[in-house]
Amino acid sequence: MSSCKFSFKITVLYKLNHPGNLSFCLVVSGHSLLKDVVVAFSVLVATVGCWVAVLQKRKAKEQMERMIKDMKILQQAEDGLQELQLRYVRMSAFVTFYPSTQWNYAL
């Protein structure tokens, strides 16, 4: 049984375990468990951050669509109100000029 030594660069070494057999050994130097944990945690935080951003984008899109729908309904209500105000002005003008006449409420 042989062990791989650590070197500075990540390299693949060819080692002979037995005569005629070739095996590969991945050599890493300066390997630290703390560095691995920090990198893994950073990747996890970045992944969670991206996922939250995607969810926020979806939520904002849904809210925008809902707001556009509400704005269309509000515009229709405003148009209806303007129509009623116009009818009221016409009716009040008619009543003012012809107070003693029988007039139609459905102008």
C-alpha atoms as a PDB file:
ATOM      1  CA  MET A   1       0.000   0.000   0.000  1.00  0.00           C
ATOM      2  CA  SER A   2       1.368   3.398  -0.902  1.00  0.00           C
ATOM      3  CA  SER A   3       0.181   6.882  -0.109  1.00  0.00           C
ATOM      4  CA  CYS A   4       0.270  10.035  -2.233  1.00  0.00           C
ATOM      5  CA  LYS A   5       2.347  12.965  -1.104  1.00  0.00           C
ATOM      6  CA  PHE A   6       0.884  16.491  -1.189  1.00  0.00           C
ATOM      7  CA  SER A   7       2.262  19.006  -3.647  1.00  0.00           C
ATOM      8  CA  PHE A   8       1.355  22.616  -4.430  1.00  0.00           C
ATOM      9  CA  LYS A   9      -0.496  21.993  -7.704  1.00  0.00           C
ATOM     10  CA  ILE A  10      -3.332  19.604  -8.427  1.00  0.00           C
ATOM     11  CA  THR A  11      -1.739  16.970 -10.594  1.00  0.00           C
ATOM     12  CA  VAL A  12      -2.298  13.422 -11.564  1.00  0.00           C
ATOM     13  CA  LEU A  13       0.631  11.181 -10.804  1.00  0.00           C
ATOM     14  CA  TYR A  14       1.214   7.824 -12.312  1.00  0.00           C
ATOM     15  CA  LYS A  15       2.195   5.336  -9.695  1.00  0.00           C
ATOM     16  CA  LEU A  16       3.144   1.773 -10.009  1.00  0.00           C
ATOM     17  CA  ASN A  17       1.480  -0.305  -7.329  1.00  0.00           C
ATOM     18  CA  HIS A  18       2.535  -3.622  -8.694  1.00  0.00           C
ATOM     19  CA  PRO A  19       4.769  -4.420 -11.594  1.00  0.00           C
ATOM     20  CA  GLY A  20       2.741  -3.874 -14.772  1.00  0.00           C
ATOM     21  CA  ASN A  21      -0.226  -2.128 -13.077  1.00  0.00           C
ATOM     22  CA  LEU A  22      -0.703   1.638 -13.449  1.00  0.00           C
ATOM     23  CA  SER A  23      -2.862   3.568 -10.971  1.00  0.00           C
ATOM     24  CA  PHE A  24      -3.743   7.273 -10.648  1.00  0.00           C
ATOM     25  CA  CYS A  25      -3.341   9.415  -7.579  1.00  0.00           C
ATOM     26  CA  LEU A  26      -4.844  12.927  -7.325  1.00  0.00           C
ATOM     27  CA  VAL A  27      -2.434  15.101  -5.417  1.00  0.00           C
ATOM     28  CA  VAL A  28      -3.543  18.264  -3.668  1.00  0.00           C
ATOM     29  CA  SER A  29      -1.345  20.448  -1.544  1.00  0.00           C
ATOM     30  CA  GLY A  30      -2.288  22.982   1.086  1.00  0.00           C
ATOM     31  CA  HIS A  31      -5.572  21.158   1.530  1.00  0.00           C
ATOM     32  CA  SER A  32      -7.531  22.441   4.474  1.00  0.00           C
ATOM     33  CA  LEU A  33     -10.851  21.258   5.837  1.00  0.00           C
ATOM     34  CA  LEU A  34     -11.664  24.809   6.980  1.00  0.00           C
ATOM     35  CA  LYS A  35     -11.196  26.110   3.422  1.00  0.00           C
ATOM     36  CA  ASP A  36     -13.498  23.380   2.101  1.00  0.00           C
ATOM     37  CA  VAL A  37     -16.165  24.263   4.660  1.00  0.00           C
ATOM     38  CA  VAL A  38     -15.916  27.977   3.837  1.00  0.00           C
ATOM     39  CA  VAL A  39     -16.160  27.320   0.083  1.00  0.00           C
ATOM     40  CA  ALA A  40     -19.078  24.911   0.522  1.00  0.00           C
ATOM     41  CA  PHE A  41     -20.885  27.395   2.758  1.00  0.00           C
ATOM     42  CA  SER A  42     -20.267  30.196   0.245  1.00  0.00           C
ATOM     43  CA  VAL A  43     -21.662  28.083  -2.582  1.00  0.00           C
ATOM     44  CA  LEU A  44     -24.690  27.201  -0.451  1.00  0.00           C
ATOM     45  CA  VAL A  45     -25.334  30.860   0.430  1.00  0.00           C
ATOM     46  CA  ALA A  46     -24.975  31.891  -3.231  1.00  0.00           C
ATOM     47  CA  THR A  47     -27.388  29.155  -4.323  1.00  0.00           C
ATOM     48  CA  VAL A  48     -29.955  30.127  -1.698  1.00  0.00           C
ATOM     49  CA  GLY A  49     -29.541  33.789  -2.655  1.00  0.00           C
ATOM     50  CA  CYS A  50     -30.176  33.016  -6.323  1.00  0.00           C
ATOM     51  CA  TRP A  51     -33.228  30.950  -5.428  1.00  0.00           C
ATOM     52  CA  VAL A  52     -34.640  33.763  -3.282  1.00  0.00           C
ATOM     53  CA  ALA A  53     -34.039  36.202  -6.154  1.00  0.00           C
ATOM     54  CA  VAL A  54     -35.951  33.925  -8.546  1.00  0.00           C
ATOM     55  CA  LEU A  55     -38.857  33.657  -6.095  1.00  0.00           C
ATOM     56  CA  GLN A  56     -38.917  37.431  -5.588  1.00  0.00           C
ATOM     57  CA  LYS A  57     -38.933  37.988  -9.343  1.00  0.00           C
ATOM     58  CA  ARG A  58     -41.888  35.628  -9.762  1.00  0.00           C
ATOM     59  CA  LYS A  59     -43.753  37.310  -6.915  1.00  0.00           C
ATOM     60  CA  ALA A  60     -43.077  40.779  -8.338  1.00  0.00           C
ATOM     61  CA  LYS A  61     -44.259  39.663 -11.778  1.00  0.00           C
ATOM     62  CA  GLU A  62     -47.504  38.284 -10.319  1.00  0.00           C
ATOM     63  CA  GLN A  63     -48.063  41.489  -8.344  1.00  0.00           C
ATOM     64  CA  MET A  64     -47.427  43.592 -11.446  1.00  0.00           C
ATOM     65  CA  GLU A  65     -49.917  41.556 -13.482  1.00  0.00           C
ATOM     66  CA  ARG A  66     -52.491  41.888 -10.683  1.00  0.00           C
ATOM     67  CA  MET A  67     -51.881  45.637 -10.494  1.00  0.00           C
ATOM     68  CA  ILE A  68     -52.300  46.038 -14.273  1.00  0.00           C
ATOM     69  CA  LYS A  69     -55.584  44.140 -14.077  1.00  0.00           C
ATOM     70  CA  ASP A  70     -56.748  46.367 -11.198  1.00  0.00           C
ATOM     71  CA  MET A  71     -55.700  49.485 -13.125  1.00  0.00           C
ATOM     72  CA  LYS A  72     -57.814  48.398 -16.101  1.00  0.00           C
ATOM     73  CA  ILE A  73     -60.828  47.884 -13.819  1.00  0.00           C
ATOM     74  CA  LEU A  74     -60.180  51.273 -12.211  1.00  0.00           C
ATOM     75  CA  GLN A  75     -59.964  52.920 -15.646  1.00  0.00           C
ATOM     76  CA  GLN A  76     -63.304  51.378 -16.616  1.00  0.00           C
ATOM     77  CA  ALA A  77     -64.859  52.663 -13.378  1.00  0.00           C
ATOM     78  CA  GLU A  78     -63.422  56.125 -14.003  1.00  0.00           C
ATOM     79  CA  ASP A  79     -64.830  56.145 -17.554  1.00  0.00           C
ATOM     80  CA  GLY A  80     -68.230  55.131 -16.173  1.00  0.00           C
ATOM     81  CA  LEU A  81     -68.064  57.909 -13.575  1.00  0.00           C
ATOM     82  CA  GLN A  82     -67.223  60.503 -16.240  1.00  0.00           C
ATOM     83  CA  GLU A  83     -70.177  59.283 -18.289  1.00  0.00           C
ATOM     84  CA  LEU A  84     -72.491  59.649 -15.282  1.00  0.00           C
ATOM     85  CA  GLN A  85     -71.129  63.114 -14.517  1.00  0.00           C
ATOM     86  CA  LEU A  86     -71.704  64.165 -18.115  1.00  0.00           C
ATOM     87  CA  ARG A  87     -75.293  62.872 -17.980  1.00  0.00           C
ATOM     88  CA  TYR A  88     -75.825  64.692 -14.683  1.00  0.00           C
ATOM     89  CA  VAL A  89     -74.510  67.966 -16.103  1.00  0.00           C
ATOM     90  CA  ARG A  90     -76.760  67.620 -19.145  1.00  0.00           C
ATOM     91  CA  MET A  91     -79.764  66.819 -16.978  1.00  0.00           C
ATOM     92  CA  SER A  92     -79.142  69.637 -14.500  1.00  0.00           C
ATOM     93  CA  ALA A  93     -78.660  72.102 -17.364  1.00  0.00           C
ATOM     94  CA  PHE A  94     -81.939  70.945 -18.906  1.00  0.00           C
ATOM     95  CA  VAL A  95     -83.796  71.283 -15.606  1.00  0.00           C
ATOM     96  CA  THR A  96     -82.280  74.715 -14.999  1.00  0.00           C
ATOM     97  CA  PHE A  97     -83.390  76.069 -18.380  1.00  0.00           C
ATOM     98  CA  TYR A  98     -86.784  74.339 -18.427  1.00  0.00           C
ATOM     99  CA  PRO A  99     -87.881  74.063 -14.774  1.00  0.00           C
ATOM    100  CA  SER A 100     -91.604  73.667 -15.391  1.00  0.00           C
ATOM    101  CA  THR A 101     -91.457  71.070 -18.174  1.00  0.00           C
ATOM    102  CA  GLN A 102     -91.789  67.339 -17.839  1.00  0.00           C
ATOM    103  CA  TRP A 103     -88.350  65.939 -18.658  1.00  0.00           C
ATOM    104  CA  ASN A 104     -86.971  62.506 -19.274  1.00  0.00           C
ATOM    105  CA  TYR A 105     -84.689  61.048 -16.587  1.00  0.00           C
ATOM    106  CA  ALA A 106     -82.969  58.729 -19.048  1.00  0.00           C
ATOM    107  CA  LEU A 107     -81.081  61.350 -21.045  1.00  0.00           C
END
